[in-house]
Amino acid sequence: MSEITMFHYLAIGLFMFLAGLLGSVILKNVIKVLISIEFMLLGVNINFVTFASYCDNVVFDGYIIALFYTGIGAVELAVALYIFYLMFKKKESDNIEKYGDL
């Protein structure tokens, strides 16, 4: 059996980031775009925790930055959902193309 190395975790983080990037570019639904952005943040957090686990034995900088990014992502999602709620009340659609007048 093979051992799980740092490369495996970095590959998962890269895959999550690229899936989020692709989703945020291709998808037209606002909620799906927000979920794709959260996928991108998750991929970055996986890489921070991986580097903190494998490269940083004394200081927990990667873990602290991952927690900070998780908090920023939660605040970003709450604000974006509220803005989307206000826009949805006005336009009554969740398609991004209808919101071109921002």
PDB file of N, CA and C in Angstrom:
ATOM      1  N   MET A   1       0.833  -1.188   0.000  1.00  0.00           N
ATOM      2  CA  MET A   1       0.000   0.000   0.000  1.00  0.00           C
ATOM      3  C   MET A   1       0.874   1.247   0.000  1.00  0.00           C
ATOM      4  N   SER A   2       0.378   2.257  -0.624  1.00  0.00           N
ATOM      5  CA  SER A   2       1.141   3.498  -0.684  1.00  0.00           C
ATOM      6  C   SER A   2       0.735   4.420   0.460  1.00  0.00           C
ATOM      7  N   GLU A   3       1.642   5.262   0.814  1.00  0.00           N
ATOM      8  CA  GLU A   3       1.420   6.203   1.905  1.00  0.00           C
ATOM      9  C   GLU A   3       0.838   7.505   1.348  1.00  0.00           C
ATOM     10  N   ILE A   4      -0.056   8.113   2.115  1.00  0.00           N
ATOM     11  CA  ILE A   4      -0.617   9.400   1.704  1.00  0.00           C
ATOM     12  C   ILE A   4       0.412  10.480   2.021  1.00  0.00           C
ATOM     13  N   THR A   5       0.808  11.209   0.990  1.00  0.00           N
ATOM     14  CA  THR A   5       1.853  12.218   1.150  1.00  0.00           C
ATOM     15  C   THR A   5       1.262  13.620   0.995  1.00  0.00           C
ATOM     16  N   MET A   6       2.142  14.589   1.108  1.00  0.00           N
ATOM     17  CA  MET A   6       1.745  15.982   0.965  1.00  0.00           C
ATOM     18  C   MET A   6       1.181  16.255  -0.427  1.00  0.00           C
ATOM     19  N   PHE A   7       1.702  15.571  -1.430  1.00  0.00           N
ATOM     20  CA  PHE A   7       1.234  15.763  -2.801  1.00  0.00           C
ATOM     21  C   PHE A   7      -0.249  15.427  -2.936  1.00  0.00           C
ATOM     22  N   HIS A   8      -0.714  14.399  -2.248  1.00  0.00           N
ATOM     23  CA  HIS A   8      -2.117  14.010  -2.345  1.00  0.00           C
ATOM     24  C   HIS A   8      -3.036  15.113  -1.811  1.00  0.00           C
ATOM     25  N   TYR A   9      -2.671  15.690  -0.675  1.00  0.00           N
ATOM     26  CA  TYR A   9      -3.481  16.767  -0.116  1.00  0.00           C
ATOM     27  C   TYR A   9      -3.458  18.021  -0.999  1.00  0.00           C
ATOM     28  N   LEU A  10      -2.289  18.323  -1.545  1.00  0.00           N
ATOM     29  CA  LEU A  10      -2.191  19.481  -2.432  1.00  0.00           C
ATOM     30  C   LEU A  10      -2.984  19.255  -3.722  1.00  0.00           C
ATOM     31  N   ALA A  11      -3.011  18.020  -4.206  1.00  0.00           N
ATOM     32  CA  ALA A  11      -3.799  17.722  -5.401  1.00  0.00           C
ATOM     33  C   ALA A  11      -5.293  17.881  -5.118  1.00  0.00           C
ATOM     34  N   ILE A  12      -5.736  17.462  -3.937  1.00  0.00           N
ATOM     35  CA  ILE A  12      -7.147  17.648  -3.571  1.00  0.00           C
ATOM     36  C   ILE A  12      -7.479  19.137  -3.464  1.00  0.00           C
ATOM     37  N   GLY A  13      -6.588  19.905  -2.842  1.00  0.00           N
ATOM     38  CA  GLY A  13      -6.803  21.348  -2.746  1.00  0.00           C
ATOM     39  C   GLY A  13      -6.843  22.015  -4.104  1.00  0.00           C
ATOM     40  N   LEU A  14      -5.952  21.607  -4.996  1.00  0.00           N
ATOM     41  CA  LEU A  14      -5.944  22.160  -6.356  1.00  0.00           C
ATOM     42  C   LEU A  14      -7.214  21.789  -7.099  1.00  0.00           C
ATOM     43  N   PHE A  15      -7.659  20.535  -6.957  1.00  0.00           N
ATOM     44  CA  PHE A  15      -8.884  20.109  -7.617  1.00  0.00           C
ATOM     45  C   PHE A  15     -10.085  20.903  -7.111  1.00  0.00           C
ATOM     46  N   MET A  16     -10.166  21.127  -5.789  1.00  0.00           N
ATOM     47  CA  MET A  16     -11.281  21.892  -5.229  1.00  0.00           C
ATOM     48  C   MET A  16     -11.253  23.339  -5.743  1.00  0.00           C
ATOM     49  N   PHE A  17     -10.064  23.936  -5.789  1.00  0.00           N
ATOM     50  CA  PHE A  17      -9.945  25.316  -6.272  1.00  0.00           C
ATOM     51  C   PHE A  17     -10.337  25.413  -7.743  1.00  0.00           C
ATOM     52  N   LEU A  18      -9.853  24.494  -8.567  1.00  0.00           N
ATOM     53  CA  LEU A  18     -10.173  24.545  -9.996  1.00  0.00           C
ATOM     54  C   LEU A  18     -11.648  24.250 -10.253  1.00  0.00           C
ATOM     55  N   ALA A  19     -12.254  23.358  -9.468  1.00  0.00           N
ATOM     56  CA  ALA A  19     -13.687  23.085  -9.617  1.00  0.00           C
ATOM     57  C   ALA A  19     -14.494  24.338  -9.267  1.00  0.00           C
ATOM     58  N   GLY A  20     -14.089  25.050  -8.216  1.00  0.00           N
ATOM     59  CA  GLY A  20     -14.764  26.291  -7.851  1.00  0.00           C
ATOM     60  C   GLY A  20     -14.571  27.373  -8.892  1.00  0.00           C
ATOM     61  N   LEU A  21     -13.375  27.478  -9.430  1.00  0.00           N
ATOM     62  CA  LEU A  21     -13.103  28.467 -10.470  1.00  0.00           C
ATOM     63  C   LEU A  21     -13.918  28.181 -11.728  1.00  0.00           C
ATOM     64  N   LEU A  22     -13.946  26.932 -12.133  1.00  0.00           N
ATOM     65  CA  LEU A  22     -14.726  26.555 -13.308  1.00  0.00           C
ATOM     66  C   LEU A  22     -16.221  26.800 -13.074  1.00  0.00           C
ATOM     67  N   GLY A  23     -16.705  26.458 -11.903  1.00  0.00           N
ATOM     68  CA  GLY A  23     -18.114  26.675 -11.596  1.00  0.00           C
ATOM     69  C   GLY A  23     -18.488  28.143 -11.555  1.00  0.00           C
ATOM     70  N   SER A  24     -17.617  28.968 -11.010  1.00  0.00           N
ATOM     71  CA  SER A  24     -17.935  30.393 -10.929  1.00  0.00           C
ATOM     72  C   SER A  24     -17.892  31.073 -12.294  1.00  0.00           C
ATOM     73  N   VAL A  25     -17.152  30.517 -13.238  1.00  0.00           N
ATOM     74  CA  VAL A  25     -17.087  31.096 -14.582  1.00  0.00           C
ATOM     75  C   VAL A  25     -18.239  30.593 -15.453  1.00  0.00           C
ATOM     76  N   ILE A  26     -18.592  29.325 -15.337  1.00  0.00           N
ATOM     77  CA  ILE A  26     -19.562  28.717 -16.250  1.00  0.00           C
ATOM     78  C   ILE A  26     -21.009  28.904 -15.799  1.00  0.00           C
ATOM     79  N   LEU A  27     -21.267  28.754 -14.511  1.00  0.00           N
ATOM     80  CA  LEU A  27     -22.650  28.709 -14.031  1.00  0.00           C
ATOM     81  C   LEU A  27     -23.336  30.072 -14.100  1.00  0.00           C
ATOM     82  N   LYS A  28     -24.638  30.057 -14.275  1.00  0.00           N
ATOM     83  CA  LYS A  28     -25.425  31.286 -14.385  1.00  0.00           C
ATOM     84  C   LYS A  28     -26.285  31.559 -13.153  1.00  0.00           C
ATOM     85  N   ASN A  29     -26.462  30.580 -12.290  1.00  0.00           N
ATOM     86  CA  ASN A  29     -27.270  30.748 -11.096  1.00  0.00           C
ATOM     87  C   ASN A  29     -26.429  31.400 -10.005  1.00  0.00           C
ATOM     88  N   VAL A  30     -26.967  32.410  -9.342  1.00  0.00           N
ATOM     89  CA  VAL A  30     -26.208  33.168  -8.349  1.00  0.00           C
ATOM     90  C   VAL A  30     -25.820  32.288  -7.163  1.00  0.00           C
ATOM     91  N   ILE A  31     -26.733  31.458  -6.702  1.00  0.00           N
ATOM     92  CA  ILE A  31     -26.447  30.593  -5.558  1.00  0.00           C
ATOM     93  C   ILE A  31     -25.344  29.599  -5.903  1.00  0.00           C
ATOM     94  N   LYS A  32     -25.375  29.048  -7.093  1.00  0.00           N
ATOM     95  CA  LYS A  32     -24.331  28.103  -7.512  1.00  0.00           C
ATOM     96  C   LYS A  32     -22.973  28.789  -7.634  1.00  0.00           C
ATOM     97  N   VAL A  33     -22.961  30.032  -8.058  1.00  0.00           N
ATOM     98  CA  VAL A  33     -21.708  30.782  -8.135  1.00  0.00           C
ATOM     99  C   VAL A  33     -21.147  31.013  -6.728  1.00  0.00           C
ATOM    100  N   LEU A  34     -22.013  31.342  -5.778  1.00  0.00           N
ATOM    101  CA  LEU A  34     -21.556  31.530  -4.397  1.00  0.00           C
ATOM    102  C   LEU A  34     -21.000  30.237  -3.819  1.00  0.00           C
ATOM    103  N   ILE A  35     -21.641  29.109  -4.115  1.00  0.00           N
ATOM    104  CA  ILE A  35     -21.127  27.820  -3.659  1.00  0.00           C
ATOM    105  C   ILE A  35     -19.779  27.522  -4.317  1.00  0.00           C
ATOM    106  N   SER A  36     -19.618  27.888  -5.577  1.00  0.00           N
ATOM    107  CA  SER A  36     -18.340  27.683  -6.257  1.00  0.00           C
ATOM    108  C   SER A  36     -17.227  28.518  -5.629  1.00  0.00           C
ATOM    109  N   ILE A  37     -17.559  29.723  -5.223  1.00  0.00           N
ATOM    110  CA  ILE A  37     -16.558  30.559  -4.545  1.00  0.00           C
ATOM    111  C   ILE A  37     -16.170  29.936  -3.206  1.00  0.00           C
ATOM    112  N   GLU A  38     -17.128  29.343  -2.513  1.00  0.00           N
ATOM    113  CA  GLU A  38     -16.815  28.649  -1.259  1.00  0.00           C
ATOM    114  C   GLU A  38     -15.925  27.433  -1.519  1.00  0.00           C
ATOM    115  N   PHE A  39     -16.119  26.753  -2.648  1.00  0.00           N
ATOM    116  CA  PHE A  39     -15.239  25.643  -3.013  1.00  0.00           C
ATOM    117  C   PHE A  39     -13.809  26.144  -3.210  1.00  0.00           C
ATOM    118  N   MET A  40     -13.660  27.306  -3.829  1.00  0.00           N
ATOM    119  CA  MET A  40     -12.327  27.872  -4.010  1.00  0.00           C
ATOM    120  C   MET A  40     -11.667  28.159  -2.663  1.00  0.00           C
ATOM    121  N   LEU A  41     -12.427  28.729  -1.737  1.00  0.00           N
ATOM    122  CA  LEU A  41     -11.880  28.998  -0.402  1.00  0.00           C
ATOM    123  C   LEU A  41     -11.511  27.706   0.312  1.00  0.00           C
ATOM    124  N   LEU A  42     -12.311  26.653   0.123  1.00  0.00           N
ATOM    125  CA  LEU A  42     -12.007  25.369   0.739  1.00  0.00           C
ATOM    126  C   LEU A  42     -10.704  24.797   0.196  1.00  0.00           C
ATOM    127  N   GLY A  43     -10.486  24.916  -1.106  1.00  0.00           N
ATOM    128  CA  GLY A  43      -9.229  24.443  -1.692  1.00  0.00           C
ATOM    129  C   GLY A  43      -8.022  25.183  -1.137  1.00  0.00           C
ATOM    130  N   VAL A  44      -8.148  26.486  -0.960  1.00  0.00           N
ATOM    131  CA  VAL A  44      -7.058  27.277  -0.377  1.00  0.00           C
ATOM    132  C   VAL A  44      -6.820  26.863   1.069  1.00  0.00           C
ATOM    133  N   ASN A  45      -7.902  26.644   1.825  1.00  0.00           N
ATOM    134  CA  ASN A  45      -7.759  26.226   3.218  1.00  0.00           C
ATOM    135  C   ASN A  45      -7.092  24.860   3.335  1.00  0.00           C
ATOM    136  N   ILE A  46      -7.418  23.940   2.438  1.00  0.00           N
ATOM    137  CA  ILE A  46      -6.770  22.627   2.451  1.00  0.00           C
ATOM    138  C   ILE A  46      -5.273  22.781   2.228  1.00  0.00           C
ATOM    139  N   ASN A  47      -4.871  23.654   1.320  1.00  0.00           N
ATOM    140  CA  ASN A  47      -3.437  23.867   1.079  1.00  0.00           C
ATOM    141  C   ASN A  47      -2.753  24.508   2.280  1.00  0.00           C
ATOM    142  N   PHE A  48      -3.406  25.481   2.931  1.00  0.00           N
ATOM    143  CA  PHE A  48      -2.810  26.089   4.122  1.00  0.00           C
ATOM    144  C   PHE A  48      -2.609  25.063   5.234  1.00  0.00           C
ATOM    145  N   VAL A  49      -3.602  24.235   5.478  1.00  0.00           N
ATOM    146  CA  VAL A  49      -3.494  23.231   6.538  1.00  0.00           C
ATOM    147  C   VAL A  49      -2.458  22.177   6.172  1.00  0.00           C
ATOM    148  N   THR A  50      -2.367  21.833   4.899  1.00  0.00           N
ATOM    149  CA  THR A  50      -1.359  20.864   4.466  1.00  0.00           C
ATOM    150  C   THR A  50       0.047  21.393   4.705  1.00  0.00           C
ATOM    151  N   PHE A  51       0.301  22.634   4.302  1.00  0.00           N
ATOM    152  CA  PHE A  51       1.636  23.198   4.526  1.00  0.00           C
ATOM    153  C   PHE A  51       1.923  23.361   6.011  1.00  0.00           C
ATOM    154  N   ALA A  52       0.900  23.692   6.795  1.00  0.00           N
ATOM    155  CA  ALA A  52       1.112  23.812   8.238  1.00  0.00           C
ATOM    156  C   ALA A  52       1.418  22.454   8.852  1.00  0.00           C
ATOM    157  N   SER A  53       0.811  21.402   8.354  1.00  0.00           N
ATOM    158  CA  SER A  53       1.032  20.066   8.920  1.00  0.00           C
ATOM    159  C   SER A  53       2.392  19.495   8.534  1.00  0.00           C
ATOM    160  N   TYR A  54       2.792  19.688   7.296  1.00  0.00           N
ATOM    161  CA  TYR A  54       4.014  19.055   6.819  1.00  0.00           C
ATOM    162  C   TYR A  54       5.260  19.921   6.957  1.00  0.00           C
ATOM    163  N   CYS A  55       5.123  21.222   6.977  1.00  0.00           N
ATOM    164  CA  CYS A  55       6.305  22.082   6.927  1.00  0.00           C
ATOM    165  C   CYS A  55       6.527  22.906   8.184  1.00  0.00           C
ATOM    166  N   ASP A  56       5.504  23.085   9.001  1.00  0.00           N
ATOM    167  CA  ASP A  56       5.594  24.010  10.138  1.00  0.00           C
ATOM    168  C   ASP A  56       5.276  23.247  11.411  1.00  0.00           C
ATOM    169  N   ASN A  57       6.313  22.825  12.133  1.00  0.00           N
ATOM    170  CA  ASN A  57       6.101  21.997  13.317  1.00  0.00           C
ATOM    171  C   ASN A  57       5.935  22.798  14.598  1.00  0.00           C
ATOM    172  N   VAL A  58       6.335  24.060  14.619  1.00  0.00           N
ATOM    173  CA  VAL A  58       6.306  24.833  15.858  1.00  0.00           C
ATOM    174  C   VAL A  58       5.192  25.868  15.852  1.00  0.00           C
ATOM    175  N   VAL A  59       5.104  26.653  14.790  1.00  0.00           N
ATOM    176  CA  VAL A  59       4.137  27.747  14.715  1.00  0.00           C
ATOM    177  C   VAL A  59       2.927  27.266  13.904  1.00  0.00           C
ATOM    178  N   PHE A  60       1.752  27.691  14.315  1.00  0.00           N
ATOM    179  CA  PHE A  60       0.517  27.245  13.664  1.00  0.00           C
ATOM    180  C   PHE A  60      -0.039  28.308  12.719  1.00  0.00           C
ATOM    181  N   ASP A  61       0.812  28.886  11.889  1.00  0.00           N
ATOM    182  CA  ASP A  61       0.368  29.949  10.992  1.00  0.00           C
ATOM    183  C   ASP A  61      -0.658  29.467   9.971  1.00  0.00           C
ATOM    184  N   GLY A  62      -0.454  28.297   9.395  1.00  0.00           N
ATOM    185  CA  GLY A  62      -1.377  27.785   8.394  1.00  0.00           C
ATOM    186  C   GLY A  62      -2.760  27.535   8.954  1.00  0.00           C
ATOM    187  N   TYR A  63      -2.810  27.021  10.181  1.00  0.00           N
ATOM    188  CA  TYR A  63      -4.108  26.772  10.808  1.00  0.00           C
ATOM    189  C   TYR A  63      -4.827  28.085  11.126  1.00  0.00           C
ATOM    190  N   ILE A  64      -4.081  29.054  11.594  1.00  0.00           N
ATOM    191  CA  ILE A  64      -4.677  30.352  11.936  1.00  0.00           C
ATOM    192  C   ILE A  64      -5.202  31.045  10.686  1.00  0.00           C
ATOM    193  N   ILE A  65      -4.434  31.010   9.608  1.00  0.00           N
ATOM    194  CA  ILE A  65      -4.878  31.630   8.361  1.00  0.00           C
ATOM    195  C   ILE A  65      -6.103  30.895   7.813  1.00  0.00           C
ATOM    196  N   ALA A  66      -6.133  29.554   7.926  1.00  0.00           N
ATOM    197  CA  ALA A  66      -7.297  28.792   7.460  1.00  0.00           C
ATOM    198  C   ALA A  66      -8.541  29.160   8.261  1.00  0.00           C
ATOM    199  N   LEU A  67      -8.410  29.321   9.577  1.00  0.00           N
ATOM    200  CA  LEU A  67      -9.546  29.750  10.388  1.00  0.00           C
ATOM    201  C   LEU A  67      -9.992  31.160  10.019  1.00  0.00           C
ATOM    202  N   PHE A  68      -9.025  32.041   9.765  1.00  0.00           N
ATOM    203  CA  PHE A  68      -9.347  33.410   9.349  1.00  0.00           C
ATOM    204  C   PHE A  68     -10.097  33.406   8.025  1.00  0.00           C
ATOM    205  N   TYR A  69      -9.628  32.614   7.058  1.00  0.00           N
ATOM    206  CA  TYR A  69     -10.304  32.535   5.768  1.00  0.00           C
ATOM    207  C   TYR A  69     -11.692  31.920   5.892  1.00  0.00           C
ATOM    208  N   THR A  70     -11.865  30.986   6.814  1.00  0.00           N
ATOM    209  CA  THR A  70     -13.190  30.409   7.031  1.00  0.00           C
ATOM    210  C   THR A  70     -14.147  31.470   7.560  1.00  0.00           C
ATOM    211  N   GLY A  71     -13.681  32.291   8.484  1.00  0.00           N
ATOM    212  CA  GLY A  71     -14.510  33.388   8.995  1.00  0.00           C
ATOM    213  C   GLY A  71     -14.826  34.408   7.924  1.00  0.00           C
ATOM    214  N   ILE A  72     -13.836  34.761   7.128  1.00  0.00           N
ATOM    215  CA  ILE A  72     -14.055  35.703   6.027  1.00  0.00           C
ATOM    216  C   ILE A  72     -15.051  35.124   5.021  1.00  0.00           C
ATOM    217  N   GLY A  73     -14.944  33.831   4.746  1.00  0.00           N
ATOM    218  CA  GLY A  73     -15.871  33.189   3.815  1.00  0.00           C
ATOM    219  C   GLY A  73     -17.297  33.189   4.335  1.00  0.00           C
ATOM    220  N   ALA A  74     -17.472  32.993   5.638  1.00  0.00           N
ATOM    221  CA  ALA A  74     -18.820  33.016   6.214  1.00  0.00           C
ATOM    222  C   ALA A  74     -19.426  34.415   6.133  1.00  0.00           C
ATOM    223  N   VAL A  75     -18.633  35.419   6.430  1.00  0.00           N
ATOM    224  CA  VAL A  75     -19.126  36.801   6.341  1.00  0.00           C
ATOM    225  C   VAL A  75     -19.428  37.162   4.889  1.00  0.00           C
ATOM    226  N   GLU A  76     -18.547  36.776   3.989  1.00  0.00           N
ATOM    227  CA  GLU A  76     -18.761  37.054   2.563  1.00  0.00           C
ATOM    228  C   GLU A  76     -20.036  36.396   2.063  1.00  0.00           C
ATOM    229  N   LEU A  77     -20.280  35.165   2.473  1.00  0.00           N
ATOM    230  CA  LEU A  77     -21.474  34.460   2.038  1.00  0.00           C
ATOM    231  C   LEU A  77     -22.729  35.110   2.606  1.00  0.00           C
ATOM    232  N   ALA A  78     -22.692  35.540   3.856  1.00  0.00           N
ATOM    233  CA  ALA A  78     -23.862  36.182   4.462  1.00  0.00           C
ATOM    234  C   ALA A  78     -24.191  37.500   3.755  1.00  0.00           C
ATOM    235  N   VAL A  79     -23.182  38.303   3.483  1.00  0.00           N
ATOM    236  CA  VAL A  79     -23.407  39.580   2.794  1.00  0.00           C
ATOM    237  C   VAL A  79     -23.888  39.338   1.365  1.00  0.00           C
ATOM    238  N   ALA A  80     -23.281  38.380   0.667  1.00  0.00           N
ATOM    239  CA  ALA A  80     -23.686  38.106  -0.711  1.00  0.00           C
ATOM    240  C   ALA A  80     -25.110  37.561  -0.775  1.00  0.00           C
ATOM    241  N   LEU A  81     -25.484  36.714   0.171  1.00  0.00           N
ATOM    242  CA  LEU A  81     -26.853  36.205   0.175  1.00  0.00           C
ATOM    243  C   LEU A  81     -27.863  37.306   0.452  1.00  0.00           C
ATOM    244  N   TYR A  82     -27.516  38.250   1.317  1.00  0.00           N
ATOM    245  CA  TYR A  82     -28.422  39.366   1.581  1.00  0.00           C
ATOM    246  C   TYR A  82     -28.565  40.261   0.346  1.00  0.00           C
ATOM    247  N   ILE A  83     -27.460  40.537  -0.322  1.00  0.00           N
ATOM    248  CA  ILE A  83     -27.523  41.336  -1.547  1.00  0.00           C
ATOM    249  C   ILE A  83     -28.337  40.602  -2.606  1.00  0.00           C
ATOM    250  N   PHE A  84     -28.128  39.281  -2.721  1.00  0.00           N
ATOM    251  CA  PHE A  84     -28.908  38.499  -3.668  1.00  0.00           C
ATOM    252  C   PHE A  84     -30.391  38.527  -3.309  1.00  0.00           C
ATOM    253  N   TYR A  85     -30.719  38.461  -2.043  1.00  0.00           N
ATOM    254  CA  TYR A  85     -32.118  38.526  -1.602  1.00  0.00           C
ATOM    255  C   TYR A  85     -32.759  39.846  -2.030  1.00  0.00           C
ATOM    256  N   LEU A  86     -32.050  40.944  -1.832  1.00  0.00           N
ATOM    257  CA  LEU A  86     -32.585  42.238  -2.238  1.00  0.00           C
ATOM    258  C   LEU A  86     -32.750  42.336  -3.755  1.00  0.00           C
ATOM    259  N   MET A  87     -31.788  41.800  -4.497  1.00  0.00           N
ATOM    260  CA  MET A  87     -31.872  41.826  -5.952  1.00  0.00           C
ATOM    261  C   MET A  87     -32.970  40.894  -6.447  1.00  0.00           C
ATOM    262  N   PHE A  88     -33.155  39.765  -5.790  1.00  0.00           N
ATOM    263  CA  PHE A  88     -34.183  38.814  -6.201  1.00  0.00           C
ATOM    264  C   PHE A  88     -35.580  39.391  -5.995  1.00  0.00           C
ATOM    265  N   LYS A  89     -35.745  40.174  -4.933  1.00  0.00           N
ATOM    266  CA  LYS A  89     -37.033  40.819  -4.714  1.00  0.00           C
ATOM    267  C   LYS A  89     -37.358  41.795  -5.839  1.00  0.00           C
ATOM    268  N   LYS A  90     -36.331  42.433  -6.392  1.00  0.00           N
ATOM    269  CA  LYS A  90     -36.546  43.416  -7.452  1.00  0.00           C
ATOM    270  C   LYS A  90     -36.711  42.759  -8.823  1.00  0.00           C
ATOM    271  N   LYS A  91     -35.843  41.807  -9.171  1.00  0.00           N
ATOM    272  CA  LYS A  91     -35.836  41.204 -10.514  1.00  0.00           C
ATOM    273  C   LYS A  91     -36.630  39.902 -10.607  1.00  0.00           C
ATOM    274  N   GLU A  92     -36.818  39.201  -9.498  1.00  0.00           N
ATOM    275  CA  GLU A  92     -37.514  37.914  -9.431  1.00  0.00           C
ATOM    276  C   GLU A  92     -36.900  36.865 -10.350  1.00  0.00           C
ATOM    277  N   SER A  93     -35.574  36.805 -10.361  1.00  0.00           N
ATOM    278  CA  SER A  93     -34.848  35.804 -11.138  1.00  0.00           C
ATOM    279  C   SER A  93     -33.513  35.538 -10.463  1.00  0.00           C
ATOM    280  N   ASP A  94     -33.021  34.300 -10.613  1.00  0.00           N
ATOM    281  CA  ASP A  94     -31.712  33.978 -10.053  1.00  0.00           C
ATOM    282  C   ASP A  94     -30.648  33.824 -11.140  1.00  0.00           C
ATOM    283  N   ASN A  95     -30.937  34.268 -12.346  1.00  0.00           N
ATOM    284  CA  ASN A  95     -30.004  34.207 -13.456  1.00  0.00           C
ATOM    285  C   ASN A  95     -29.093  35.442 -13.409  1.00  0.00           C
ATOM    286  N   ILE A  96     -27.798  35.226 -13.520  1.00  0.00           N
ATOM    287  CA  ILE A  96     -26.822  36.307 -13.418  1.00  0.00           C
ATOM    288  C   ILE A  96     -26.975  37.315 -14.557  1.00  0.00           C
ATOM    289  N   GLU A  97     -27.373  36.844 -15.724  1.00  0.00           N
ATOM    290  CA  GLU A  97     -27.476  37.728 -16.888  1.00  0.00           C
ATOM    291  C   GLU A  97     -28.532  38.811 -16.709  1.00  0.00           C
ATOM    292  N   LYS A  98     -29.488  38.623 -15.820  1.00  0.00           N
ATOM    293  CA  LYS A  98     -30.522  39.638 -15.577  1.00  0.00           C
ATOM    294  C   LYS A  98     -30.027  40.765 -14.657  1.00  0.00           C
ATOM    295  N   TYR A  99     -28.855  40.565 -14.055  1.00  0.00           N
ATOM    296  CA  TYR A  99     -28.329  41.543 -13.113  1.00  0.00           C
ATOM    297  C   TYR A  99     -27.200  42.357 -13.723  1.00  0.00           C
ATOM    298  N   GLY A 100     -27.271  42.670 -14.988  1.00  0.00           N
ATOM    299  CA  GLY A 100     -26.217  43.405 -15.675  1.00  0.00           C
ATOM    300  C   GLY A 100     -26.170  44.881 -15.340  1.00  0.00           C
ATOM    301  N   ASP A 101     -27.213  45.407 -14.719  1.00  0.00           N
ATOM    302  CA  ASP A 101     -27.270  46.839 -14.428  1.00  0.00           C
ATOM    303  C   ASP A 101     -26.654  47.202 -13.081  1.00  0.00           C
ATOM    304  N   LEU A 102     -25.893  46.314 -12.495  1.00  0.00           N
ATOM    305  CA  LEU A 102     -25.245  46.633 -11.226  1.00  0.00           C
ATOM    306  C   LEU A 102     -24.160  47.650 -11.475  1.00  0.00           C
TER     307      LEU A 102
END
